[in-house]
N, C-alpha and C. Protein backbone atom coordinates (compact mmCIF):
# COMPACT_ATOMS: atom_id res chain seq x y z
N MET A 1 -41.22 136.55 -62.41
CA MET A 1 -39.89 136.05 -62.37
C MET A 1 -39.43 135.82 -60.93
N TYR A 2 -39.63 136.80 -60.07
CA TYR A 2 -39.22 136.64 -58.69
C TYR A 2 -40.17 135.74 -57.91
N ALA A 3 -41.42 135.70 -58.26
CA ALA A 3 -42.42 134.90 -57.55
C ALA A 3 -42.11 133.42 -57.66
N ALA A 4 -41.58 132.97 -58.74
CA ALA A 4 -41.27 131.55 -58.91
C ALA A 4 -40.11 131.13 -58.03
N ALA A 5 -39.19 132.00 -57.78
CA ALA A 5 -38.03 131.66 -56.96
C ALA A 5 -38.38 131.62 -55.48
N ILE A 6 -39.41 132.35 -55.06
CA ILE A 6 -39.76 132.42 -53.65
C ILE A 6 -40.58 131.21 -53.19
N THR A 7 -41.41 130.68 -54.02
CA THR A 7 -42.26 129.56 -53.61
C THR A 7 -41.43 128.30 -53.45
N ALA A 8 -41.74 127.54 -52.40
CA ALA A 8 -41.00 126.31 -52.14
C ALA A 8 -41.61 125.17 -52.91
N SER A 9 -40.79 124.24 -53.26
CA SER A 9 -41.30 123.07 -53.97
C SER A 9 -42.02 122.15 -52.99
N PRO A 10 -42.97 121.36 -53.43
CA PRO A 10 -43.70 120.48 -52.52
C PRO A 10 -42.82 119.41 -51.89
N HIS A 11 -41.77 119.01 -52.51
CA HIS A 11 -40.88 117.99 -51.94
C HIS A 11 -40.10 118.53 -50.74
N THR A 12 -39.70 119.77 -50.74
CA THR A 12 -38.95 120.36 -49.63
C THR A 12 -39.81 120.46 -48.39
N ALA A 13 -41.03 120.90 -48.51
CA ALA A 13 -41.91 121.03 -47.36
C ALA A 13 -42.27 119.66 -46.80
N LYS A 14 -42.47 118.69 -47.66
CA LYS A 14 -42.83 117.35 -47.21
C LYS A 14 -41.67 116.67 -46.50
N SER A 15 -40.46 116.87 -46.96
CA SER A 15 -39.31 116.21 -46.35
C SER A 15 -39.03 116.74 -44.95
N ARG A 16 -39.44 117.97 -44.64
CA ARG A 16 -39.25 118.52 -43.30
C ARG A 16 -40.23 117.93 -42.30
N GLU A 17 -41.34 117.41 -42.75
CA GLU A 17 -42.39 116.92 -41.87
C GLU A 17 -42.27 115.43 -41.57
N ARG A 18 -41.41 114.71 -42.19
CA ARG A 18 -41.42 113.26 -42.08
C ARG A 18 -40.87 112.74 -40.77
N GLY A 19 -40.02 113.42 -40.03
CA GLY A 19 -39.50 112.98 -38.73
C GLY A 19 -38.32 112.03 -38.86
N PHE A 20 -38.16 111.16 -37.86
CA PHE A 20 -37.04 110.22 -37.83
C PHE A 20 -37.47 108.87 -38.37
N THR A 21 -36.56 108.19 -39.01
CA THR A 21 -36.87 106.83 -39.48
C THR A 21 -36.58 105.84 -38.37
N LEU A 22 -37.09 104.65 -38.53
CA LEU A 22 -36.87 103.59 -37.54
C LEU A 22 -35.39 103.25 -37.44
N ILE A 23 -34.68 103.27 -38.53
CA ILE A 23 -33.25 102.98 -38.53
C ILE A 23 -32.49 104.02 -37.70
N GLU A 24 -32.82 105.27 -37.88
CA GLU A 24 -32.16 106.33 -37.11
C GLU A 24 -32.41 106.16 -35.62
N LEU A 25 -33.62 105.82 -35.25
CA LEU A 25 -33.94 105.61 -33.83
C LEU A 25 -33.22 104.39 -33.28
N MET A 26 -33.09 103.34 -34.09
CA MET A 26 -32.38 102.14 -33.63
C MET A 26 -30.89 102.42 -33.46
N VAL A 27 -30.31 103.21 -34.32
CA VAL A 27 -28.89 103.57 -34.20
C VAL A 27 -28.66 104.37 -32.92
N VAL A 28 -29.53 105.32 -32.66
CA VAL A 28 -29.40 106.12 -31.42
C VAL A 28 -29.58 105.23 -30.20
N GLY A 29 -30.55 104.33 -30.25
CA GLY A 29 -30.74 103.40 -29.13
C GLY A 29 -29.53 102.51 -28.92
N GLY A 30 -28.92 102.05 -29.99
CA GLY A 30 -27.70 101.24 -29.89
C GLY A 30 -26.54 102.00 -29.28
N ILE A 31 -26.38 103.24 -29.68
CA ILE A 31 -25.30 104.08 -29.11
C ILE A 31 -25.53 104.29 -27.63
N ILE A 32 -26.76 104.56 -27.24
CA ILE A 32 -27.07 104.75 -25.81
C ILE A 32 -26.81 103.46 -25.04
N ALA A 33 -27.17 102.31 -25.61
CA ALA A 33 -26.93 101.03 -24.94
C ALA A 33 -25.44 100.77 -24.74
N ILE A 34 -24.63 101.08 -25.74
CA ILE A 34 -23.17 100.90 -25.62
C ILE A 34 -22.61 101.81 -24.54
N LEU A 35 -23.03 103.06 -24.53
CA LEU A 35 -22.54 103.99 -23.50
C LEU A 35 -22.95 103.53 -22.10
N MET A 36 -24.15 103.02 -21.94
CA MET A 36 -24.60 102.53 -20.63
C MET A 36 -23.83 101.28 -20.23
N ALA A 37 -23.51 100.42 -21.18
CA ALA A 37 -22.74 99.21 -20.87
C ALA A 37 -21.35 99.55 -20.38
N ILE A 38 -20.82 100.67 -20.80
CA ILE A 38 -19.51 101.12 -20.33
C ILE A 38 -19.63 101.88 -19.02
N ALA A 39 -20.64 102.72 -18.89
CA ALA A 39 -20.74 103.63 -17.75
C ALA A 39 -21.19 102.94 -16.47
N ILE A 40 -22.14 102.02 -16.52
CA ILE A 40 -22.68 101.43 -15.30
C ILE A 40 -21.63 100.62 -14.53
N PRO A 41 -20.86 99.73 -15.15
CA PRO A 41 -19.82 99.03 -14.38
C PRO A 41 -18.76 99.97 -13.80
N SER A 42 -18.41 101.01 -14.54
CA SER A 42 -17.43 101.97 -14.02
C SER A 42 -18.00 102.70 -12.82
N TYR A 43 -19.25 103.09 -12.89
CA TYR A 43 -19.90 103.77 -11.77
C TYR A 43 -19.95 102.86 -10.55
N ALA A 44 -20.31 101.59 -10.74
CA ALA A 44 -20.37 100.64 -9.63
C ALA A 44 -18.99 100.45 -9.00
N PHE A 45 -17.95 100.39 -9.81
CA PHE A 45 -16.59 100.24 -9.30
C PHE A 45 -16.18 101.44 -8.45
N PHE A 46 -16.45 102.64 -8.94
CA PHE A 46 -16.07 103.83 -8.19
C PHE A 46 -16.90 104.00 -6.92
N MET A 47 -18.15 103.57 -6.93
CA MET A 47 -18.96 103.60 -5.71
C MET A 47 -18.40 102.63 -4.68
N LYS A 48 -17.96 101.46 -5.12
CA LYS A 48 -17.37 100.47 -4.21
C LYS A 48 -16.09 101.04 -3.59
N GLN A 49 -15.27 101.70 -4.39
CA GLN A 49 -14.06 102.33 -3.87
C GLN A 49 -14.39 103.43 -2.87
N SER A 50 -15.42 104.20 -3.14
CA SER A 50 -15.82 105.28 -2.25
C SER A 50 -16.27 104.74 -0.90
N ARG A 51 -17.08 103.67 -0.93
CA ARG A 51 -17.53 103.06 0.33
C ARG A 51 -16.36 102.46 1.09
N ARG A 52 -15.38 101.89 0.38
CA ARG A 52 -14.18 101.36 1.02
C ARG A 52 -13.40 102.48 1.70
N GLY A 53 -13.32 103.63 1.05
CA GLY A 53 -12.65 104.79 1.65
C GLY A 53 -13.33 105.25 2.92
N SER A 54 -14.66 105.21 2.94
CA SER A 54 -15.40 105.58 4.15
C SER A 54 -15.09 104.60 5.28
N ALA A 55 -15.02 103.31 4.95
CA ALA A 55 -14.70 102.30 5.97
C ALA A 55 -13.27 102.50 6.48
N GLU A 56 -12.35 102.84 5.61
CA GLU A 56 -10.97 103.09 6.03
C GLU A 56 -10.91 104.28 6.98
N ALA A 57 -11.67 105.31 6.69
CA ALA A 57 -11.69 106.49 7.58
C ALA A 57 -12.24 106.12 8.95
N VAL A 58 -13.27 105.27 9.01
CA VAL A 58 -13.82 104.84 10.30
C VAL A 58 -12.79 104.01 11.06
N LEU A 59 -12.08 103.12 10.36
CA LEU A 59 -11.05 102.32 11.02
C LEU A 59 -9.94 103.21 11.59
N MET A 60 -9.55 104.21 10.84
CA MET A 60 -8.51 105.13 11.33
C MET A 60 -9.00 105.90 12.56
N ASP A 61 -10.26 106.30 12.56
CA ASP A 61 -10.84 107.00 13.70
C ASP A 61 -10.86 106.11 14.93
N ILE A 62 -11.26 104.86 14.74
CA ILE A 62 -11.28 103.92 15.86
C ILE A 62 -9.88 103.69 16.40
N ALA A 63 -8.90 103.54 15.51
CA ALA A 63 -7.51 103.33 15.94
C ALA A 63 -7.01 104.53 16.75
N GLN A 64 -7.37 105.73 16.32
CA GLN A 64 -6.97 106.93 17.05
C GLN A 64 -7.62 106.96 18.44
N ARG A 65 -8.90 106.59 18.51
CA ARG A 65 -9.58 106.54 19.80
C ARG A 65 -8.99 105.47 20.71
N GLU A 66 -8.57 104.36 20.13
CA GLU A 66 -7.92 103.31 20.91
C GLU A 66 -6.62 103.82 21.53
N GLN A 67 -5.86 104.57 20.77
CA GLN A 67 -4.59 105.11 21.30
C GLN A 67 -4.86 106.08 22.44
N GLN A 68 -5.87 106.91 22.30
CA GLN A 68 -6.23 107.84 23.37
C GLN A 68 -6.73 107.07 24.60
N TYR A 69 -7.51 106.02 24.38
CA TYR A 69 -8.02 105.20 25.48
C TYR A 69 -6.87 104.51 26.20
N LEU A 70 -5.84 104.07 25.46
CA LEU A 70 -4.67 103.45 26.07
C LEU A 70 -3.96 104.43 27.00
N ILE A 71 -3.85 105.67 26.58
CA ILE A 71 -3.21 106.68 27.42
C ILE A 71 -4.01 106.89 28.71
N ASP A 72 -5.34 106.89 28.59
CA ASP A 72 -6.20 107.14 29.76
C ASP A 72 -6.35 105.93 30.66
N ALA A 73 -6.51 104.74 30.10
CA ALA A 73 -6.87 103.57 30.90
C ALA A 73 -5.80 102.49 30.95
N ARG A 74 -4.70 102.65 30.29
CA ARG A 74 -3.61 101.68 30.26
C ARG A 74 -4.05 100.33 29.66
N ALA A 75 -5.05 100.37 28.80
CA ALA A 75 -5.52 99.19 28.08
C ALA A 75 -6.31 99.67 26.87
N TYR A 76 -6.53 98.75 25.94
CA TYR A 76 -7.38 99.07 24.80
C TYR A 76 -8.80 98.67 25.13
N GLY A 77 -9.77 99.37 24.53
CA GLY A 77 -11.17 99.13 24.85
C GLY A 77 -11.96 98.56 23.70
N ASN A 78 -13.20 98.19 24.02
CA ASN A 78 -14.13 97.72 22.99
C ASN A 78 -14.98 98.90 22.51
N ALA A 79 -15.97 98.63 21.66
CA ALA A 79 -16.79 99.70 21.08
C ALA A 79 -17.55 100.48 22.15
N ALA A 80 -18.03 99.78 23.18
CA ALA A 80 -18.78 100.46 24.24
C ALA A 80 -17.87 101.37 25.05
N ALA A 81 -16.68 100.90 25.36
CA ALA A 81 -15.74 101.71 26.14
C ALA A 81 -15.27 102.94 25.36
N LEU A 82 -15.16 102.80 24.06
CA LEU A 82 -14.69 103.92 23.24
C LEU A 82 -15.81 104.88 22.86
N ASN A 83 -17.05 104.51 23.13
CA ASN A 83 -18.21 105.33 22.81
C ASN A 83 -18.24 105.67 21.31
N ILE A 84 -18.20 104.60 20.49
CA ILE A 84 -18.14 104.75 19.04
C ILE A 84 -19.49 104.42 18.43
N ALA A 85 -19.94 105.29 17.56
CA ALA A 85 -21.13 105.02 16.75
C ALA A 85 -20.66 104.93 15.30
N ILE A 86 -20.88 103.78 14.70
CA ILE A 86 -20.47 103.57 13.31
C ILE A 86 -21.47 104.29 12.40
N PRO A 87 -21.00 105.14 11.49
CA PRO A 87 -21.92 105.85 10.59
C PRO A 87 -22.76 104.89 9.76
N ALA A 88 -23.98 105.30 9.43
CA ALA A 88 -24.90 104.46 8.69
C ALA A 88 -24.38 104.11 7.30
N ASP A 89 -23.65 105.03 6.66
CA ASP A 89 -23.14 104.74 5.32
C ASP A 89 -22.04 103.69 5.33
N VAL A 90 -21.46 103.41 6.50
CA VAL A 90 -20.46 102.34 6.62
C VAL A 90 -21.12 101.07 7.15
N SER A 91 -21.98 101.19 8.15
CA SER A 91 -22.59 100.00 8.75
C SER A 91 -23.54 99.30 7.78
N ALA A 92 -24.00 99.97 6.75
CA ALA A 92 -24.86 99.33 5.76
C ALA A 92 -24.07 98.39 4.85
N TYR A 93 -22.76 98.57 4.77
CA TYR A 93 -21.94 97.79 3.85
C TYR A 93 -20.85 96.97 4.54
N TYR A 94 -20.48 97.32 5.78
CA TYR A 94 -19.40 96.64 6.49
C TYR A 94 -19.82 96.31 7.92
N ASN A 95 -19.32 95.17 8.41
CA ASN A 95 -19.40 94.85 9.84
C ASN A 95 -18.07 95.25 10.45
N ILE A 96 -18.10 96.10 11.45
CA ILE A 96 -16.88 96.57 12.12
C ILE A 96 -16.72 95.81 13.43
N ASN A 97 -15.56 95.17 13.61
CA ASN A 97 -15.26 94.42 14.83
C ASN A 97 -14.00 94.98 15.48
N ILE A 98 -14.09 95.24 16.78
CA ILE A 98 -12.95 95.71 17.55
C ILE A 98 -12.58 94.59 18.51
N VAL A 99 -11.34 94.11 18.40
CA VAL A 99 -10.89 93.02 19.25
C VAL A 99 -9.68 93.50 20.04
N PRO A 100 -9.89 93.86 21.34
CA PRO A 100 -8.74 94.22 22.17
C PRO A 100 -8.00 92.96 22.61
N GLY A 101 -6.68 93.00 22.55
CA GLY A 101 -5.87 91.86 23.00
C GLY A 101 -5.63 91.94 24.50
N ALA A 102 -5.37 90.80 25.12
CA ALA A 102 -5.26 90.72 26.57
C ALA A 102 -4.01 91.40 27.08
N GLY A 103 -2.90 90.88 26.75
CA GLY A 103 -1.88 91.66 27.36
C GLY A 103 -0.54 91.07 27.36
N PRO A 104 0.35 91.40 28.21
CA PRO A 104 1.26 92.49 27.98
C PRO A 104 2.04 92.31 26.70
N PRO A 105 2.30 93.26 25.99
CA PRO A 105 1.66 94.58 26.00
C PRO A 105 0.26 94.47 25.41
N PRO A 106 -0.59 95.41 25.74
CA PRO A 106 -1.95 95.37 25.21
C PRO A 106 -1.94 95.60 23.69
N THR A 107 -2.88 94.96 23.01
CA THR A 107 -2.99 95.09 21.56
C THR A 107 -4.46 95.24 21.18
N PHE A 108 -4.69 95.60 19.94
CA PHE A 108 -6.04 95.61 19.39
C PHE A 108 -5.97 95.40 17.89
N THR A 109 -7.07 94.93 17.34
CA THR A 109 -7.25 94.81 15.90
C THR A 109 -8.67 95.24 15.58
N VAL A 110 -8.81 96.12 14.61
CA VAL A 110 -10.12 96.57 14.15
C VAL A 110 -10.27 96.06 12.72
N THR A 111 -11.39 95.38 12.46
CA THR A 111 -11.62 94.76 11.16
C THR A 111 -12.94 95.24 10.57
N ALA A 112 -12.93 95.54 9.29
CA ALA A 112 -14.15 95.87 8.55
C ALA A 112 -14.36 94.78 7.51
N THR A 113 -15.42 93.98 7.71
CA THR A 113 -15.73 92.88 6.81
C THR A 113 -16.94 93.26 5.97
N PRO A 114 -16.84 93.15 4.64
CA PRO A 114 -17.99 93.49 3.79
C PRO A 114 -19.18 92.57 4.07
N ILE A 115 -20.36 93.14 4.09
CA ILE A 115 -21.58 92.37 4.28
C ILE A 115 -21.89 91.65 2.97
N ALA A 116 -22.13 90.35 3.06
CA ALA A 116 -22.30 89.52 1.86
C ALA A 116 -23.51 89.92 1.02
N ALA A 117 -24.57 90.37 1.64
CA ALA A 117 -25.79 90.70 0.89
C ALA A 117 -25.81 92.15 0.38
N SER A 118 -24.75 92.90 0.61
CA SER A 118 -24.73 94.30 0.19
C SER A 118 -24.01 94.45 -1.14
N GLN A 119 -24.00 95.67 -1.65
CA GLN A 119 -23.29 95.95 -2.90
C GLN A 119 -21.78 95.89 -2.73
N GLN A 120 -21.32 95.84 -1.50
CA GLN A 120 -19.90 95.78 -1.21
C GLN A 120 -19.40 94.33 -1.16
N ALA A 121 -20.28 93.36 -1.37
CA ALA A 121 -19.91 91.95 -1.32
C ALA A 121 -18.76 91.67 -2.28
N GLY A 122 -17.82 90.87 -1.83
CA GLY A 122 -16.67 90.54 -2.66
C GLY A 122 -15.53 91.52 -2.55
N ASP A 123 -15.70 92.58 -1.77
CA ASP A 123 -14.63 93.55 -1.59
C ASP A 123 -13.64 93.02 -0.55
N PHE A 124 -12.59 93.75 -0.32
CA PHE A 124 -11.54 93.34 0.60
C PHE A 124 -12.00 93.49 2.05
N THR A 125 -11.49 92.61 2.92
CA THR A 125 -11.66 92.76 4.37
C THR A 125 -10.52 93.65 4.84
N LEU A 126 -10.86 94.77 5.45
CA LEU A 126 -9.87 95.76 5.87
C LEU A 126 -9.58 95.59 7.35
N SER A 127 -8.33 95.84 7.75
CA SER A 127 -8.00 95.78 9.17
C SER A 127 -6.84 96.72 9.49
N ILE A 128 -6.81 97.13 10.75
CA ILE A 128 -5.72 97.95 11.27
C ILE A 128 -5.47 97.48 12.70
N ASP A 129 -4.22 97.50 13.13
CA ASP A 129 -3.92 97.05 14.49
C ASP A 129 -3.22 98.14 15.27
N ASN A 130 -2.80 97.80 16.48
CA ASN A 130 -2.21 98.80 17.38
C ASN A 130 -0.87 99.34 16.88
N THR A 131 -0.20 98.63 16.00
CA THR A 131 1.07 99.12 15.46
C THR A 131 0.86 100.03 14.26
N GLY A 132 -0.38 100.13 13.80
CA GLY A 132 -0.69 100.95 12.62
C GLY A 132 -0.62 100.17 11.33
N ALA A 133 -0.38 98.84 11.42
CA ALA A 133 -0.32 98.01 10.22
C ALA A 133 -1.71 97.89 9.61
N LYS A 134 -1.81 98.20 8.32
CA LYS A 134 -3.09 98.18 7.60
C LYS A 134 -3.05 97.05 6.58
N LEU A 135 -4.07 96.23 6.61
CA LEU A 135 -4.15 95.12 5.67
C LEU A 135 -5.46 95.18 4.91
N PRO A 136 -5.50 94.80 3.67
CA PRO A 136 -4.38 94.53 2.79
C PRO A 136 -3.71 95.82 2.35
N THR A 137 -2.43 95.77 2.26
CA THR A 137 -1.66 96.99 1.97
C THR A 137 -1.93 97.54 0.58
N SER A 138 -2.39 96.70 -0.34
CA SER A 138 -2.60 97.15 -1.72
C SER A 138 -3.81 98.07 -1.90
N VAL A 139 -4.73 98.10 -0.92
CA VAL A 139 -5.94 98.92 -1.10
C VAL A 139 -5.97 100.13 -0.17
N TRP A 140 -5.11 100.22 0.80
CA TRP A 140 -5.12 101.39 1.71
C TRP A 140 -4.46 102.55 1.04
């Protein structure tokens, strides 16, 4: 009486060994594809914003060095005079240009232009000048 209840039926053991069906695998693959289609563009967008933030920090650093150079030399300087090394994570995606103005009063403009062949292509051109004006104002 008890022995019959303990033995498993052949259908139960066989159903545990069959694995996944092709339909189940295709559904899982479709779900993964949908998640990747959503995640990859979002990741690329946030990486672009992060690189833009790094460029903004470099522009702010250069502007601060320009103000200190003005106090010391009574003029604004170029990259060589300021002894500036652009970090590799910024120079790989942006061209940084420092343009000191002639005079009176002395002025400068620092511009970060995205490199066309990089992942930052199509992003905003960032700039800051001696008055602290940052362009474009919508992304700073």
